[in-house]
């Protein structure tokens, strides 16, 4: 089950990277290159979310859910082991008087 979730997580990661890179940024026209806002107003009406925005939102939600799922599954399989349980303990140096 963990392997299936890891494969799904990697696929969603790659898809999320691609969708984010395909999106056009705010003020990405010629006026935005010189610092102008163009015809966009600060509190103007917001257009409906396009397909890329919805795909980004859903892939981010799936990414977060798979991340949480992997964390829970890995904590249950490892038991009460610590990350540092396999490291040898170092000897402490007594303080000088």
PDB file of N, CA and C in Angstrom:
ATOM      1  N   UNK A   1       0.821  -1.192   0.000  1.00  0.00           N
ATOM      2  CA  UNK A   1       0.000   0.000   0.000  1.00  0.00           C
ATOM      3  C   UNK A   1       0.868   1.260   0.000  1.00  0.00           C
ATOM      4  N   UNK A   2       1.979   1.182   0.719  1.00  0.00           N
ATOM      5  CA  UNK A   2       2.867   2.341   0.782  1.00  0.00           C
ATOM      6  C   UNK A   2       3.488   2.602  -0.587  1.00  0.00           C
ATOM      7  N   UNK A   3       3.850   1.537  -1.290  1.00  0.00           N
ATOM      8  CA  UNK A   3       4.471   1.695  -2.606  1.00  0.00           C
ATOM      9  C   UNK A   3       3.489   2.347  -3.577  1.00  0.00           C
ATOM     10  N   UNK A   4       2.227   1.941  -3.517  1.00  0.00           N
ATOM     11  CA  UNK A   4       1.203   2.540  -4.378  1.00  0.00           C
ATOM     12  C   UNK A   4       1.024   4.019  -4.068  1.00  0.00           C
ATOM     13  N   UNK A   5       1.040   4.358  -2.790  1.00  0.00           N
ATOM     14  CA  UNK A   5       0.890   5.762  -2.393  1.00  0.00           C
ATOM     15  C   UNK A   5       2.111   6.592  -2.796  1.00  0.00           C
ATOM     16  N   UNK A   6       3.291   6.003  -2.728  1.00  0.00           N
ATOM     17  CA  UNK A   6       4.505   6.714  -3.154  1.00  0.00           C
ATOM     18  C   UNK A   6       4.473   6.970  -4.660  1.00  0.00           C
ATOM     19  N   UNK A   7       4.039   5.969  -5.434  1.00  0.00           N
ATOM     20  CA  UNK A   7       3.942   6.144  -6.889  1.00  0.00           C
ATOM     21  C   UNK A   7       2.930   7.231  -7.235  1.00  0.00           C
ATOM     22  N   UNK A   8       1.773   7.211  -6.569  1.00  0.00           N
ATOM     23  CA  UNK A   8       0.766   8.256  -6.793  1.00  0.00           C
ATOM     24  C   UNK A   8       1.308   9.624  -6.407  1.00  0.00           C
ATOM     25  N   UNK A   9       2.051   9.684  -5.308  1.00  0.00           N
ATOM     26  CA  UNK A   9       2.621  10.952  -4.838  1.00  0.00           C
ATOM     27  C   UNK A   9       3.618  11.525  -5.841  1.00  0.00           C
ATOM     28  N   UNK A  10       4.467  10.684  -6.399  1.00  0.00           N
ATOM     29  CA  UNK A  10       5.452  11.148  -7.378  1.00  0.00           C
ATOM     30  C   UNK A  10       4.755  11.631  -8.654  1.00  0.00           C
ATOM     31  N   UNK A  11       3.741  10.906  -9.101  1.00  0.00           N
ATOM     32  CA  UNK A  11       3.001  11.320 -10.298  1.00  0.00           C
ATOM     33  C   UNK A  11       2.323  12.661 -10.067  1.00  0.00           C
ATOM     34  N   UNK A  12       1.708  12.834  -8.901  1.00  0.00           N
ATOM     35  CA  UNK A  12       1.049  14.104  -8.587  1.00  0.00           C
ATOM     36  C   UNK A  12       2.077  15.229  -8.485  1.00  0.00           C
ATOM     37  N   UNK A  13       3.246  14.942  -7.930  1.00  0.00           N
ATOM     38  CA  UNK A  13       4.313  15.962  -7.846  1.00  0.00           C
ATOM     39  C   UNK A  13       4.723  16.440  -9.231  1.00  0.00           C
ATOM     40  N   UNK A  14       4.963  15.515 -10.127  1.00  0.00           N
ATOM     41  CA  UNK A  14       5.370  15.891 -11.487  1.00  0.00           C
ATOM     42  C   UNK A  14       4.252  16.642 -12.211  1.00  0.00           C
ATOM     43  N   UNK A  15       3.017  16.200 -12.026  1.00  0.00           N
ATOM     44  CA  UNK A  15       1.882  16.879 -12.647  1.00  0.00           C
ATOM     45  C   UNK A  15       1.731  18.297 -12.094  1.00  0.00           C
ATOM     46  N   UNK A  16       1.900  18.454 -10.789  1.00  0.00           N
ATOM     47  CA  UNK A  16       1.786  19.769 -10.158  1.00  0.00           C
ATOM     48  C   UNK A  16       2.870  20.715 -10.657  1.00  0.00           C
ATOM     49  N   UNK A  17       4.069  20.222 -10.803  1.00  0.00           N
ATOM     50  CA  UNK A  17       5.155  21.045 -11.345  1.00  0.00           C
ATOM     51  C   UNK A  17       4.822  21.499 -12.758  1.00  0.00           C
ATOM     52  N   UNK A  18       4.345  20.587 -13.594  1.00  0.00           N
ATOM     53  CA  UNK A  18       3.995  20.945 -14.967  1.00  0.00           C
ATOM     54  C   UNK A  18       2.868  21.939 -15.055  1.00  0.00           C
ATOM     55  N   UNK A  19       1.833  21.759 -14.238  1.00  0.00           N
ATOM     56  CA  UNK A  19       0.678  22.662 -14.291  1.00  0.00           C
ATOM     57  C   UNK A  19       1.060  24.054 -13.807  1.00  0.00           C
ATOM     58  N   UNK A  20       1.878  24.124 -12.773  1.00  0.00           N
ATOM     59  CA  UNK A  20       2.299  25.437 -12.270  1.00  0.00           C
ATOM     60  C   UNK A  20       3.163  26.157 -13.301  1.00  0.00           C
ATOM     61  N   UNK A  21       4.033  25.418 -13.980  1.00  0.00           N
ATOM     62  CA  UNK A  21       4.888  26.054 -14.981  1.00  0.00           C
ATOM     63  C   UNK A  21       4.109  26.489 -16.221  1.00  0.00           C
ATOM     64  N   UNK A  22       2.994  25.862 -16.498  1.00  0.00           N
ATOM     65  CA  UNK A  22       2.190  26.242 -17.665  1.00  0.00           C
ATOM     66  C   UNK A  22       1.353  27.493 -17.433  1.00  0.00           C
ATOM     67  N   UNK A  23       1.115  27.840 -16.185  1.00  0.00           N
ATOM     68  CA  UNK A  23       0.243  28.986 -15.902  1.00  0.00           C
ATOM     69  C   UNK A  23       0.904  30.302 -16.259  1.00  0.00           C
ATOM     70  N   UNK A  24       0.056  31.217 -16.642  1.00  0.00           N
ATOM     71  CA  UNK A  24       0.535  32.557 -16.959  1.00  0.00           C
ATOM     72  C   UNK A  24       0.464  33.381 -15.689  1.00  0.00           C
ATOM     73  N   UNK A  25       1.524  34.088 -15.394  1.00  0.00           N
ATOM     74  CA  UNK A  25       1.570  34.875 -14.172  1.00  0.00           C
ATOM     75  C   UNK A  25       0.714  36.117 -14.261  1.00  0.00           C
ATOM     76  N   UNK A  26       0.509  36.739 -13.112  1.00  0.00           N
ATOM     77  CA  UNK A  26      -0.256  37.976 -13.053  1.00  0.00           C
ATOM     78  C   UNK A  26       0.575  39.086 -13.702  1.00  0.00           C
ATOM     79  N   UNK A  27      -0.034  39.879 -14.524  1.00  0.00           N
ATOM     80  CA  UNK A  27       0.626  40.961 -15.267  1.00  0.00           C
ATOM     81  C   UNK A  27       1.739  40.418 -16.142  1.00  0.00           C
ATOM     82  N   UNK A  28       1.458  39.365 -16.874  1.00  0.00           N
ATOM     83  CA  UNK A  28       2.477  38.744 -17.712  1.00  0.00           C
ATOM     84  C   UNK A  28       2.523  39.350 -19.111  1.00  0.00           C
ATOM     85  N   UNK A  29       1.745  40.394 -19.348  1.00  0.00           N
ATOM     86  CA  UNK A  29       1.771  41.024 -20.664  1.00  0.00           C
ATOM     87  C   UNK A  29       2.930  42.016 -20.749  1.00  0.00           C
ATOM     88  N   UNK A  30       2.987  42.787 -21.800  1.00  0.00           N
ATOM     89  CA  UNK A  30       4.084  43.720 -22.026  1.00  0.00           C
ATOM     90  C   UNK A  30       4.115  44.823 -20.967  1.00  0.00           C
ATOM     91  N   UNK A  31       2.954  45.280 -20.517  1.00  0.00           N
ATOM     92  CA  UNK A  31       2.913  46.323 -19.495  1.00  0.00           C
ATOM     93  C   UNK A  31       3.467  45.808 -18.169  1.00  0.00           C
ATOM     94  N   UNK A  32       3.276  44.539 -17.882  1.00  0.00           N
ATOM     95  CA  UNK A  32       3.796  43.962 -16.649  1.00  0.00           C
ATOM     96  C   UNK A  32       5.311  43.881 -16.648  1.00  0.00           C
ATOM     97  N   UNK A  33       5.915  43.800 -17.813  1.00  0.00           N
ATOM     98  CA  UNK A  33       7.369  43.732 -17.895  1.00  0.00           C
ATOM     99  C   UNK A  33       8.016  45.036 -17.452  1.00  0.00           C
ATOM    100  N   UNK A  34       7.297  46.148 -17.607  1.00  0.00           N
ATOM    101  CA  UNK A  34       7.834  47.450 -17.224  1.00  0.00           C
ATOM    102  C   UNK A  34       7.250  47.955 -15.919  1.00  0.00           C
ATOM    103  N   UNK A  35       6.553  47.109 -15.190  1.00  0.00           N
ATOM    104  CA  UNK A  35       6.038  47.506 -13.892  1.00  0.00           C
ATOM    105  C   UNK A  35       4.651  48.095 -13.924  1.00  0.00           C
ATOM    106  N   UNK A  36       4.039  48.222 -15.069  1.00  0.00           N
ATOM    107  CA  UNK A  36       2.694  48.771 -15.142  1.00  0.00           C
ATOM    108  C   UNK A  36       1.646  47.716 -14.889  1.00  0.00           C
ATOM    109  N   UNK A  37       0.490  48.161 -14.465  1.00  0.00           N
ATOM    110  CA  UNK A  37      -0.588  47.224 -14.196  1.00  0.00           C
ATOM    111  C   UNK A  37      -1.478  47.009 -15.400  1.00  0.00           C
ATOM    112  N   UNK A  38      -1.332  47.795 -16.426  1.00  0.00           N
ATOM    113  CA  UNK A  38      -2.162  47.637 -17.613  1.00  0.00           C
ATOM    114  C   UNK A  38      -3.608  47.969 -17.309  1.00  0.00           C
ATOM    115  N   UNK A  39      -4.510  47.148 -17.742  1.00  0.00           N
ATOM    116  CA  UNK A  39      -5.927  47.404 -17.525  1.00  0.00           C
ATOM    117  C   UNK A  39      -6.454  46.731 -16.271  1.00  0.00           C
ATOM    118  N   UNK A  40      -5.593  46.087 -15.487  1.00  0.00           N
ATOM    119  CA  UNK A  40      -6.053  45.419 -14.279  1.00  0.00           C
ATOM    120  C   UNK A  40      -6.171  46.425 -13.144  1.00  0.00           C
ATOM    121  N   UNK A  41      -7.250  46.328 -12.404  1.00  0.00           N
ATOM    122  CA  UNK A  41      -7.435  47.194 -11.252  1.00  0.00           C
ATOM    123  C   UNK A  41      -7.184  46.400  -9.987  1.00  0.00           C
ATOM    124  N   UNK A  42      -6.930  47.107  -8.895  1.00  0.00           N
ATOM    125  CA  UNK A  42      -6.580  46.433  -7.655  1.00  0.00           C
ATOM    126  C   UNK A  42      -7.747  45.609  -7.106  1.00  0.00           C
ATOM    127  N   UNK A  43      -8.949  46.149  -7.161  1.00  0.00           N
ATOM    128  CA  UNK A  43     -10.095  45.443  -6.607  1.00  0.00           C
ATOM    129  C   UNK A  43     -11.154  45.195  -7.662  1.00  0.00           C
ATOM    130  N   UNK A  44     -10.728  44.966  -8.884  1.00  0.00           N
ATOM    131  CA  UNK A  44     -11.654  44.744  -9.988  1.00  0.00           C
ATOM    132  C   UNK A  44     -12.310  43.384  -9.914  1.00  0.00           C
ATOM    133  N   UNK A  45     -13.246  43.138 -10.810  1.00  0.00           N
ATOM    134  CA  UNK A  45     -13.913  41.838 -10.792  1.00  0.00           C
ATOM    135  C   UNK A  45     -12.953  40.720 -11.187  1.00  0.00           C
ATOM    136  N   UNK A  46     -13.071  39.640 -10.487  1.00  0.00           N
ATOM    137  CA  UNK A  46     -12.195  38.497 -10.752  1.00  0.00           C
ATOM    138  C   UNK A  46     -12.899  37.554 -11.706  1.00  0.00           C
ATOM    139  N   UNK A  47     -12.191  37.163 -12.746  1.00  0.00           N
ATOM    140  CA  UNK A  47     -12.759  36.246 -13.714  1.00  0.00           C
ATOM    141  C   UNK A  47     -12.876  34.843 -13.145  1.00  0.00           C
ATOM    142  N   UNK A  48     -13.635  34.022 -13.806  1.00  0.00           N
ATOM    143  CA  UNK A  48     -13.796  32.641 -13.361  1.00  0.00           C
ATOM    144  C   UNK A  48     -12.470  31.908 -13.486  1.00  0.00           C
ATOM    145  N   UNK A  49     -12.267  30.984 -12.569  1.00  0.00           N
ATOM    146  CA  UNK A  49     -11.031  30.217 -12.579  1.00  0.00           C
ATOM    147  C   UNK A  49     -11.000  29.331 -13.822  1.00  0.00           C
ATOM    148  N   UNK A  50      -9.897  29.385 -14.522  1.00  0.00           N
ATOM    149  CA  UNK A  50      -9.796  28.565 -15.728  1.00  0.00           C
ATOM    150  C   UNK A  50      -9.376  27.147 -15.381  1.00  0.00           C
ATOM    151  N   UNK A  51      -9.209  26.337 -16.369  1.00  0.00           N
ATOM    152  CA  UNK A  51      -8.908  24.925 -16.170  1.00  0.00           C
ATOM    153  C   UNK A  51      -7.578  24.706 -15.455  1.00  0.00           C
ATOM    154  N   UNK A  52      -6.562  25.479 -15.806  1.00  0.00           N
ATOM    155  CA  UNK A  52      -5.251  25.292 -15.169  1.00  0.00           C
ATOM    156  C   UNK A  52      -5.291  25.617 -13.680  1.00  0.00           C
ATOM    157  N   UNK A  53      -6.075  26.624 -13.312  1.00  0.00           N
ATOM    158  CA  UNK A  53      -6.186  26.983 -11.902  1.00  0.00           C
ATOM    159  C   UNK A  53      -6.871  25.861 -11.124  1.00  0.00           C
ATOM    160  N   UNK A  54      -7.915  25.301 -11.702  1.00  0.00           N
ATOM    161  CA  UNK A  54      -8.609  24.199 -11.024  1.00  0.00           C
ATOM    162  C   UNK A  54      -7.729  22.959 -10.936  1.00  0.00           C
ATOM    163  N   UNK A  55      -6.987  22.676 -12.001  1.00  0.00           N
ATOM    164  CA  UNK A  55      -6.078  21.530 -11.962  1.00  0.00           C
ATOM    165  C   UNK A  55      -4.992  21.726 -10.906  1.00  0.00           C
ATOM    166  N   UNK A  56      -4.504  22.946 -10.773  1.00  0.00           N
ATOM    167  CA  UNK A  56      -3.497  23.244  -9.760  1.00  0.00           C
ATOM    168  C   UNK A  56      -4.061  23.045  -8.365  1.00  0.00           C
ATOM    169  N   UNK A  57      -5.272  23.524  -8.153  1.00  0.00           N
ATOM    170  CA  UNK A  57      -5.894  23.396  -6.837  1.00  0.00           C
ATOM    171  C   UNK A  57      -6.095  21.933  -6.461  1.00  0.00           C
ATOM    172  N   UNK A  58      -6.655  21.159  -7.369  1.00  0.00           N
ATOM    173  CA  UNK A  58      -6.926  19.754  -7.066  1.00  0.00           C
ATOM    174  C   UNK A  58      -5.639  18.941  -6.927  1.00  0.00           C
ATOM    175  N   UNK A  59      -4.642  19.226  -7.742  1.00  0.00           N
ATOM    176  CA  UNK A  59      -3.391  18.488  -7.597  1.00  0.00           C
ATOM    177  C   UNK A  59      -2.670  18.871  -6.304  1.00  0.00           C
ATOM    178  N   UNK A  60      -2.798  20.114  -5.863  1.00  0.00           N
ATOM    179  CA  UNK A  60      -2.202  20.509  -4.583  1.00  0.00           C
ATOM    180  C   UNK A  60      -2.914  19.821  -3.422  1.00  0.00           C
ATOM    181  N   UNK A  61      -4.234  19.687  -3.509  1.00  0.00           N
ATOM    182  CA  UNK A  61      -4.987  18.989  -2.467  1.00  0.00           C
ATOM    183  C   UNK A  61      -4.584  17.520  -2.409  1.00  0.00           C
ATOM    184  N   UNK A  62      -4.470  16.881  -3.586  1.00  0.00           N
ATOM    185  CA  UNK A  62      -4.067  15.470  -3.623  1.00  0.00           C
ATOM    186  C   UNK A  62      -2.638  15.311  -3.114  1.00  0.00           C
ATOM    187  N   UNK A  63      -1.767  16.258  -3.447  1.00  0.00           N
ATOM    188  CA  UNK A  63      -0.386  16.231  -2.954  1.00  0.00           C
ATOM    189  C   UNK A  63      -0.344  16.280  -1.431  1.00  0.00           C
ATOM    190  N   UNK A  64      -1.133  17.176  -0.848  1.00  0.00           N
ATOM    191  CA  UNK A  64      -1.149  17.291   0.613  1.00  0.00           C
ATOM    192  C   UNK A  64      -1.718  16.035   1.270  1.00  0.00           C
ATOM    193  N   UNK A  65      -2.777  15.484   0.688  1.00  0.00           N
ATOM    194  CA  UNK A  65      -3.373  14.273   1.253  1.00  0.00           C
ATOM    195  C   UNK A  65      -2.432  13.076   1.162  1.00  0.00           C
ATOM    196  N   UNK A  66      -1.722  12.942   0.037  1.00  0.00           N
ATOM    197  CA  UNK A  66      -0.778  11.835  -0.071  1.00  0.00           C
ATOM    198  C   UNK A  66       0.416  12.040   0.867  1.00  0.00           C
ATOM    199  N   UNK A  67       0.820  13.280   1.077  1.00  0.00           N
ATOM    200  CA  UNK A  67       1.910  13.554   2.021  1.00  0.00           C
ATOM    201  C   UNK A  67       1.510  13.170   3.439  1.00  0.00           C
ATOM    202  N   UNK A  68       0.303  13.557   3.838  1.00  0.00           N
ATOM    203  CA  UNK A  68      -0.176  13.209   5.174  1.00  0.00           C
ATOM    204  C   UNK A  68      -0.356  11.697   5.296  1.00  0.00           C
ATOM    205  N   UNK A  69      -0.897  11.079   4.259  1.00  0.00           N
ATOM    206  CA  UNK A  69      -1.082   9.629   4.275  1.00  0.00           C
ATOM    207  C   UNK A  69       0.230   8.877   4.389  1.00  0.00           C
ATOM    208  N   UNK A  70       1.236   9.321   3.644  1.00  0.00           N
ATOM    209  CA  UNK A  70       2.552   8.681   3.727  1.00  0.00           C
ATOM    210  C   UNK A  70       3.170   8.859   5.110  1.00  0.00           C
ATOM    211  N   UNK A  71       2.988  10.023   5.699  1.00  0.00           N
ATOM    212  CA  UNK A  71       3.526  10.268   7.036  1.00  0.00           C
ATOM    213  C   UNK A  71       2.877   9.350   8.057  1.00  0.00           C
ATOM    214  N   UNK A  72       1.561   9.214   7.980  1.00  0.00           N
ATOM    215  CA  UNK A  72       0.851   8.346   8.925  1.00  0.00           C
ATOM    216  C   UNK A  72       1.245   6.890   8.717  1.00  0.00           C
ATOM    217  N   UNK A  73       1.300   6.440   7.471  1.00  0.00           N
ATOM    218  CA  UNK A  73       1.643   5.036   7.206  1.00  0.00           C
ATOM    219  C   UNK A  73       3.078   4.713   7.631  1.00  0.00           C
ATOM    220  N   UNK A  74       4.003   5.622   7.392  1.00  0.00           N
ATOM    221  CA  UNK A  74       5.394   5.371   7.759  1.00  0.00           C
ATOM    222  C   UNK A  74       5.567   5.380   9.277  1.00  0.00           C
ATOM    223  N   UNK A  75       4.801   6.205   9.991  1.00  0.00           N
ATOM    224  CA  UNK A  75       4.920   6.223  11.452  1.00  0.00           C
ATOM    225  C   UNK A  75       4.348   4.955  12.061  1.00  0.00           C
ATOM    226  N   UNK A  76       3.333   4.378  11.431  1.00  0.00           N
ATOM    227  CA  UNK A  76       2.748   3.137  11.953  1.00  0.00           C
ATOM    228  C   UNK A  76       3.641   1.933  11.684  1.00  0.00           C
ATOM    229  N   UNK A  77       4.327   1.924  10.556  1.00  0.00           N
ATOM    230  CA  UNK A  77       5.162   0.764  10.235  1.00  0.00           C
ATOM    231  C   UNK A  77       6.485   0.778  10.987  1.00  0.00           C
ATOM    232  N   UNK A  78       6.995   1.947  11.326  1.00  0.00           N
ATOM    233  CA  UNK A  78       8.295   2.011  11.997  1.00  0.00           C
ATOM    234  C   UNK A  78       8.172   1.825  13.501  1.00  0.00           C
ATOM    235  N   UNK A  79       6.969   1.858  14.049  1.00  0.00           N
ATOM    236  CA  UNK A  79       6.793   1.674  15.489  1.00  0.00           C
ATOM    237  C   UNK A  79       7.263   2.893  16.258  1.00  0.00           C
ATOM    238  N   UNK A  80       7.941   2.643  17.351  1.00  0.00           N
ATOM    239  CA  UNK A  80       8.411   3.746  18.196  1.00  0.00           C
ATOM    240  C   UNK A  80       9.885   4.032  17.973  1.00  0.00           C
ATOM    241  N   UNK A  81      10.372   3.733  16.793  1.00  0.00           N
ATOM    242  CA  UNK A  81      11.776   3.985  16.502  1.00  0.00           C
ATOM    243  C   UNK A  81      12.015   5.463  16.304  1.00  0.00           C
ATOM    244  N   UNK A  82      13.143   5.897  16.713  1.00  0.00           N
ATOM    245  CA  UNK A  82      13.562   7.274  16.530  1.00  0.00           C
ATOM    246  C   UNK A  82      14.507   7.345  15.343  1.00  0.00           C
ATOM    247  N   UNK A  83      14.669   8.520  14.809  1.00  0.00           N
ATOM    248  CA  UNK A  83      15.607   8.715  13.716  1.00  0.00           C
ATOM    249  C   UNK A  83      17.029   8.447  14.191  1.00  0.00           C
ATOM    250  N   UNK A  84      17.311   8.765  15.421  1.00  0.00           N
ATOM    251  CA  UNK A  84      18.663   8.623  15.962  1.00  0.00           C
ATOM    252  C   UNK A  84      18.857   7.325  16.733  1.00  0.00           C
ATOM    253  N   UNK A  85      17.958   6.350  16.597  1.00  0.00           N
ATOM    254  CA  UNK A  85      18.082   5.126  17.386  1.00  0.00           C
ATOM    255  C   UNK A  85      19.268   4.271  16.944  1.00  0.00           C
ATOM    256  N   UNK A  86      19.718   4.374  15.710  1.00  0.00           N
ATOM    257  CA  UNK A  86      20.831   3.566  15.220  1.00  0.00           C
ATOM    258  C   UNK A  86      22.193   4.225  15.404  1.00  0.00           C
ATOM    259  N   UNK A  87      22.251   5.461  15.841  1.00  0.00           N
ATOM    260  CA  UNK A  87      23.531   6.140  16.008  1.00  0.00           C
ATOM    261  C   UNK A  87      24.143   5.760  17.354  1.00  0.00           C
ATOM    262  N   UNK A  88      25.444   5.554  17.361  1.00  0.00           N
ATOM    263  CA  UNK A  88      26.085   5.201  18.642  1.00  0.00           C
ATOM    264  C   UNK A  88      26.106   6.419  19.566  1.00  0.00           C
ATOM    265  N   UNK A  89      25.960   6.131  20.859  1.00  0.00           N
ATOM    266  CA  UNK A  89      25.976   7.241  21.810  1.00  0.00           C
ATOM    267  C   UNK A  89      27.414   7.694  22.019  1.00  0.00           C
ATOM    268  N   UNK A  90      27.602   8.974  22.109  1.00  0.00           N
ATOM    269  CA  UNK A  90      28.944   9.506  22.328  1.00  0.00           C
ATOM    270  C   UNK A  90      29.203   9.640  23.812  1.00  0.00           C
ATOM    271  N   UNK A  91      30.467   9.503  24.175  1.00  0.00           N
ATOM    272  CA  UNK A  91      30.826   9.627  25.593  1.00  0.00           C
ATOM    273  C   UNK A  91      30.894  11.094  25.941  1.00  0.00           C
ATOM    274  N   UNK A  92      30.405  11.412  27.103  1.00  0.00           N
ATOM    275  CA  UNK A  92      30.458  12.806  27.534  1.00  0.00           C
ATOM    276  C   UNK A  92      31.800  13.078  28.211  1.00  0.00           C
ATOM    277  N   UNK A  93      32.314  14.247  28.004  1.00  0.00           N
ATOM    278  CA  UNK A  93      33.591  14.660  28.582  1.00  0.00           C
ATOM    279  C   UNK A  93      33.284  15.342  29.919  1.00  0.00           C
ATOM    280  N   UNK A  94      33.906  14.922  30.968  1.00  0.00           N
ATOM    281  CA  UNK A  94      33.614  15.544  32.274  1.00  0.00           C
ATOM    282  C   UNK A  94      34.075  17.011  32.264  1.00  0.00           C
ATOM    283  N   UNK A  95      33.343  17.813  32.973  1.00  0.00           N
ATOM    284  CA  UNK A  95      33.657  19.249  33.042  1.00  0.00           C
ATOM    285  C   UNK A  95      34.914  19.476  33.868  1.00  0.00           C
ATOM    286  N   UNK A  96      35.707  20.467  33.463  1.00  0.00           N
ATOM    287  CA  UNK A  96      36.937  20.802  34.186  1.00  0.00           C
ATOM    288  C   UNK A  96      36.585  21.644  35.394  1.00  0.00           C
ATOM    289  N   UNK A  97      37.357  21.426  36.460  1.00  0.00           N
ATOM    290  CA  UNK A  97      37.139  22.207  37.682  1.00  0.00           C
ATOM    291  C   UNK A  97      38.014  23.414  37.719  1.00  0.00           C
TER     292      UNK A  97
END
